[in-house]
Amino acid sequence: MEKLKARNGLAYSVNLVFLVPMNENEFQKFNVLFGNLVNFVEKINDEGIIVHFTLNINEELSKFGEFKDVPSKTEIKNYIPLIKDSEVFLNSDINFLIKTIELYRIKENFNKNLDVSLIKYLEEKIKKSIDNPYIQIRNLKIIP
């Protein structure tokens, strides 16, 4: 993973982190169905389980040119619609997961399976996390 470099000499890396809160039942179903298909990190807290999907967007941001200074989270937020249409996002685990869940839900509806409501709810939660990712700017270093 190559870091980005601003004109002021700082090197940095930018990730989009998609956070999906789940309760224990949702996470068990999610893990059984999709746990081996995508890379994610789960963290347990008082409210339940939060599943993290991390997407490094350095490659996409570098296409927009060099920033004078390290961009703020607000500046990066302006680029998110463009990033969602990029190959980086379209080939990401979170996008693959959304498409897989949608196909699974269609298949289960066709088979008249009654367990589709939980899958639909998970799909909505994941789509909601895509609309509001956490922006993480890391590894600020001065490059001589």
C-alpha atoms as a PDB file:
ATOM      1  CA  MET A   1       0.000   0.000   0.000  1.00  0.00           C
ATOM      2  CA  GLU A   2       1.610   3.204  -1.180  1.00  0.00           C
ATOM      3  CA  LYS A   3       1.009   6.324   0.870  1.00  0.00           C
ATOM      4  CA  LEU A   4      -0.189   9.577  -0.579  1.00  0.00           C
ATOM      5  CA  LYS A   5       2.078  12.600  -0.422  1.00  0.00           C
ATOM      6  CA  ALA A   6       0.922  16.186  -0.028  1.00  0.00           C
ATOM      7  CA  ARG A   7       2.865  19.116  -1.491  1.00  0.00           C
ATOM      8  CA  ASN A   8       3.859  20.200   2.016  1.00  0.00           C
ATOM      9  CA  GLY A   9       5.839  16.949   2.419  1.00  0.00           C
ATOM     10  CA  LEU A  10       3.465  14.955   4.610  1.00  0.00           C
ATOM     11  CA  ALA A  11       2.733  11.354   3.668  1.00  0.00           C
ATOM     12  CA  TYR A  12      -0.609   9.895   4.694  1.00  0.00           C
ATOM     13  CA  SER A  13      -3.019   7.078   4.047  1.00  0.00           C
ATOM     14  CA  VAL A  14      -6.818   7.275   3.798  1.00  0.00           C
ATOM     15  CA  ASN A  15      -9.258   4.462   4.569  1.00  0.00           C
ATOM     16  CA  LEU A  16     -13.010   4.317   4.483  1.00  0.00           C
ATOM     17  CA  VAL A  17     -14.284   2.190   7.353  1.00  0.00           C
ATOM     18  CA  PHE A  18     -17.795   0.820   7.073  1.00  0.00           C
ATOM     19  CA  LEU A  19     -19.252   0.030  10.503  1.00  0.00           C
ATOM     20  CA  VAL A  20     -22.193  -2.356  10.721  1.00  0.00           C
ATOM     21  CA  PRO A  21     -23.696  -2.800  14.202  1.00  0.00           C
ATOM     22  CA  MET A  22     -25.319  -6.192  14.823  1.00  0.00           C
ATOM     23  CA  ASN A  23     -26.816  -8.092  17.692  1.00  0.00           C
ATOM     24  CA  GLU A  24     -25.674 -11.645  18.449  1.00  0.00           C
ATOM     25  CA  ASN A  25     -28.353 -13.371  16.329  1.00  0.00           C
ATOM     26  CA  GLU A  26     -27.682 -11.149  13.317  1.00  0.00           C
ATOM     27  CA  PHE A  27     -23.936 -11.700  13.602  1.00  0.00           C
ATOM     28  CA  GLN A  28     -24.319 -15.478  13.877  1.00  0.00           C
ATOM     29  CA  LYS A  29     -26.458 -15.579  10.734  1.00  0.00           C
ATOM     30  CA  PHE A  30     -24.108 -13.179   8.943  1.00  0.00           C
ATOM     31  CA  ASN A  31     -21.028 -15.180   9.938  1.00  0.00           C
ATOM     32  CA  VAL A  32     -22.550 -18.525   8.899  1.00  0.00           C
ATOM     33  CA  LEU A  33     -23.707 -17.263   5.504  1.00  0.00           C
ATOM     34  CA  PHE A  34     -21.023 -14.758   4.521  1.00  0.00           C
ATOM     35  CA  GLY A  35     -18.165 -15.006   7.029  1.00  0.00           C
ATOM     36  CA  ASN A  36     -15.850 -16.959   4.729  1.00  0.00           C
ATOM     37  CA  LEU A  37     -16.609 -14.828   1.656  1.00  0.00           C
ATOM     38  CA  VAL A  38     -15.363 -11.411   2.777  1.00  0.00           C
ATOM     39  CA  ASN A  39     -12.685  -9.902   5.012  1.00  0.00           C
ATOM     40  CA  PHE A  40     -13.979  -8.102   8.066  1.00  0.00           C
ATOM     41  CA  VAL A  41     -13.111  -7.466  11.693  1.00  0.00           C
ATOM     42  CA  GLU A  42     -15.671  -7.835  14.434  1.00  0.00           C
ATOM     43  CA  LYS A  43     -15.481  -5.985  17.740  1.00  0.00           C
ATOM     44  CA  ILE A  44     -17.679  -6.638  20.731  1.00  0.00           C
ATOM     45  CA  ASN A  45     -18.905  -3.758  22.880  1.00  0.00           C
ATOM     46  CA  ASP A  46     -21.756  -3.077  25.302  1.00  0.00           C
ATOM     47  CA  GLU A  47     -24.317  -2.469  22.547  1.00  0.00           C
ATOM     48  CA  GLY A  48     -23.486  -5.640  20.614  1.00  0.00           C
ATOM     49  CA  ILE A  49     -21.112  -6.530  17.820  1.00  0.00           C
ATOM     50  CA  ILE A  50     -19.726  -4.062  15.304  1.00  0.00           C
ATOM     51  CA  VAL A  51     -18.441  -5.450  12.023  1.00  0.00           C
ATOM     52  CA  HIS A  52     -15.738  -3.325  10.341  1.00  0.00           C
ATOM     53  CA  PHE A  53     -14.988  -3.344   6.631  1.00  0.00           C
ATOM     54  CA  THR A  54     -11.940  -1.290   5.662  1.00  0.00           C
ATOM     55  CA  LEU A  55     -11.317   0.068   2.181  1.00  0.00           C
ATOM     56  CA  ASN A  56      -8.055   1.840   1.360  1.00  0.00           C
ATOM     57  CA  ILE A  57      -8.764   4.663  -1.095  1.00  0.00           C
ATOM     58  CA  ASN A  58      -5.222   5.969  -1.653  1.00  0.00           C
ATOM     59  CA  GLU A  59      -5.247   4.830  -5.265  1.00  0.00           C
ATOM     60  CA  GLU A  60      -8.467   6.682  -6.019  1.00  0.00           C
ATOM     61  CA  LEU A  61      -7.465   9.876  -4.201  1.00  0.00           C
ATOM     62  CA  SER A  62      -4.157   9.951  -6.065  1.00  0.00           C
ATOM     63  CA  LYS A  63      -6.121  10.223  -9.334  1.00  0.00           C
ATOM     64  CA  PHE A  64      -7.497  13.579  -8.191  1.00  0.00           C
ATOM     65  CA  GLY A  65      -4.007  15.092  -8.024  1.00  0.00           C
ATOM     66  CA  GLU A  66      -1.779  16.130  -5.190  1.00  0.00           C
ATOM     67  CA  PHE A  67      -3.292  18.026  -2.277  1.00  0.00           C
ATOM     68  CA  LYS A  68      -1.506  21.106  -0.946  1.00  0.00           C
ATOM     69  CA  ASP A  69      -1.969  19.823   2.588  1.00  0.00           C
ATOM     70  CA  VAL A  70      -3.341  16.596   4.050  1.00  0.00           C
ATOM     71  CA  PRO A  71      -7.052  16.744   3.186  1.00  0.00           C
ATOM     72  CA  SER A  72      -9.595  16.958   5.970  1.00  0.00           C
ATOM     73  CA  LYS A  73     -12.349  14.428   6.463  1.00  0.00           C
ATOM     74  CA  THR A  74     -14.791  16.991   5.058  1.00  0.00           C
ATOM     75  CA  GLU A  75     -12.754  17.313   1.852  1.00  0.00           C
ATOM     76  CA  ILE A  76     -12.554  13.556   1.448  1.00  0.00           C
ATOM     77  CA  LYS A  77     -16.308  13.286   2.041  1.00  0.00           C
ATOM     78  CA  ASN A  78     -16.796  15.359  -1.130  1.00  0.00           C
ATOM     79  CA  TYR A  79     -14.996  12.647  -3.133  1.00  0.00           C
ATOM     80  CA  ILE A  80     -17.029   9.712  -1.764  1.00  0.00           C
ATOM     81  CA  PRO A  81     -19.634   9.742  -4.599  1.00  0.00           C
ATOM     82  CA  LEU A  82     -16.783   9.481  -7.117  1.00  0.00           C
ATOM     83  CA  ILE A  83     -15.087   6.756  -5.092  1.00  0.00           C
ATOM     84  CA  LYS A  84     -18.315   4.720  -4.976  1.00  0.00           C
ATOM     85  CA  ASP A  85     -18.252   4.589  -8.788  1.00  0.00           C
ATOM     86  CA  SER A  86     -14.577   3.604  -8.930  1.00  0.00           C
ATOM     87  CA  GLU A  87     -13.053   0.189  -9.540  1.00  0.00           C
ATOM     88  CA  VAL A  88     -11.605   0.234  -6.009  1.00  0.00           C
ATOM     89  CA  PHE A  89     -15.074   0.337  -4.483  1.00  0.00           C
ATOM     90  CA  LEU A  90     -16.772  -1.859  -7.070  1.00  0.00           C
ATOM     91  CA  ASN A  91     -14.190  -4.611  -6.435  1.00  0.00           C
ATOM     92  CA  SER A  92     -14.290  -4.230  -2.640  1.00  0.00           C
ATOM     93  CA  ASP A  93     -15.504  -6.800  -0.132  1.00  0.00           C
ATOM     94  CA  ILE A  94     -18.360  -4.600   1.064  1.00  0.00           C
ATOM     95  CA  ASN A  95     -19.734  -4.156  -2.468  1.00  0.00           C
ATOM     96  CA  PHE A  96     -19.345  -7.884  -3.135  1.00  0.00           C
ATOM     97  CA  LEU A  97     -21.216  -8.579   0.106  1.00  0.00           C
ATOM     98  CA  ILE A  98     -24.134  -6.329  -0.859  1.00  0.00           C
ATOM     99  CA  LYS A  99     -24.502  -8.056  -4.225  1.00  0.00           C
ATOM    100  CA  THR A 100     -24.198 -11.509  -2.644  1.00  0.00           C
ATOM    101  CA  ILE A 101     -26.823 -10.743   0.007  1.00  0.00           C
ATOM    102  CA  GLU A 102     -29.186  -9.411  -2.658  1.00  0.00           C
ATOM    103  CA  LEU A 103     -28.804 -12.577  -4.746  1.00  0.00           C
ATOM    104  CA  TYR A 104     -29.199 -14.773  -1.659  1.00  0.00           C
ATOM    105  CA  ARG A 105     -32.366 -12.932  -0.690  1.00  0.00           C
ATOM    106  CA  ILE A 106     -33.812 -13.368  -4.210  1.00  0.00           C
ATOM    107  CA  LYS A 107     -32.977 -17.082  -4.136  1.00  0.00           C
ATOM    108  CA  GLU A 108     -34.570 -17.573  -0.712  1.00  0.00           C
ATOM    109  CA  ASN A 109     -37.678 -15.629  -1.757  1.00  0.00           C
ATOM    110  CA  PHE A 110     -38.009 -17.862  -4.797  1.00  0.00           C
ATOM    111  CA  ASN A 111     -37.725 -20.960  -2.569  1.00  0.00           C
ATOM    112  CA  LYS A 112     -40.390 -19.497  -0.227  1.00  0.00           C
ATOM    113  CA  ASN A 113     -38.015 -19.501   2.734  1.00  0.00           C
ATOM    114  CA  LEU A 114     -39.457 -17.604   5.711  1.00  0.00           C
ATOM    115  CA  ASP A 115     -36.030 -16.579   7.084  1.00  0.00           C
ATOM    116  CA  VAL A 116     -35.561 -13.760   4.550  1.00  0.00           C
ATOM    117  CA  SER A 117     -36.567 -10.944   6.924  1.00  0.00           C
ATOM    118  CA  LEU A 118     -33.294 -11.117   8.890  1.00  0.00           C
ATOM    119  CA  ILE A 119     -31.274 -11.163   5.675  1.00  0.00           C
ATOM    120  CA  LYS A 120     -33.188  -8.144   4.353  1.00  0.00           C
ATOM    121  CA  TYR A 121     -32.559  -6.326   7.634  1.00  0.00           C
ATOM    122  CA  LEU A 122     -28.817  -7.104   7.416  1.00  0.00           C
ATOM    123  CA  GLU A 123     -28.766  -5.874   3.835  1.00  0.00           C
ATOM    124  CA  GLU A 124     -30.354  -2.571   4.893  1.00  0.00           C
ATOM    125  CA  LYS A 125     -27.834  -2.129   7.716  1.00  0.00           C
ATOM    126  CA  ILE A 126     -24.902  -2.722   5.387  1.00  0.00           C
ATOM    127  CA  LYS A 127     -26.287  -0.333   2.757  1.00  0.00           C
ATOM    128  CA  LYS A 128     -26.741   2.291   5.476  1.00  0.00           C
ATOM    129  CA  SER A 129     -23.097   1.899   6.517  1.00  0.00           C
ATOM    130  CA  ILE A 130     -22.012   2.444   2.892  1.00  0.00           C
ATOM    131  CA  ASP A 131     -23.878   5.750   2.818  1.00  0.00           C
ATOM    132  CA  ASN A 132     -22.079   7.014   5.927  1.00  0.00           C
ATOM    133  CA  PRO A 133     -18.528   5.614   6.146  1.00  0.00           C
ATOM    134  CA  TYR A 134     -16.043   6.598   8.815  1.00  0.00           C
ATOM    135  CA  ILE A 135     -13.058   8.350   7.218  1.00  0.00           C
ATOM    136  CA  GLN A 136      -9.705   7.380   8.683  1.00  0.00           C
ATOM    137  CA  ILE A 137      -6.550   9.398   7.886  1.00  0.00           C
ATOM    138  CA  ARG A 138      -3.430   7.638   9.142  1.00  0.00           C
ATOM    139  CA  ASN A 139       0.345   7.554   9.239  1.00  0.00           C
ATOM    140  CA  LEU A 140       1.186  11.209   8.947  1.00  0.00           C
ATOM    141  CA  LYS A 141       4.931  11.467   8.376  1.00  0.00           C
ATOM    142  CA  ILE A 142       7.206  14.173   7.067  1.00  0.00           C
ATOM    143  CA  ILE A 143       9.052  12.959   4.004  1.00  0.00           C
ATOM    144  CA  PRO A 144      12.393  14.674   3.396  1.00  0.00           C
END
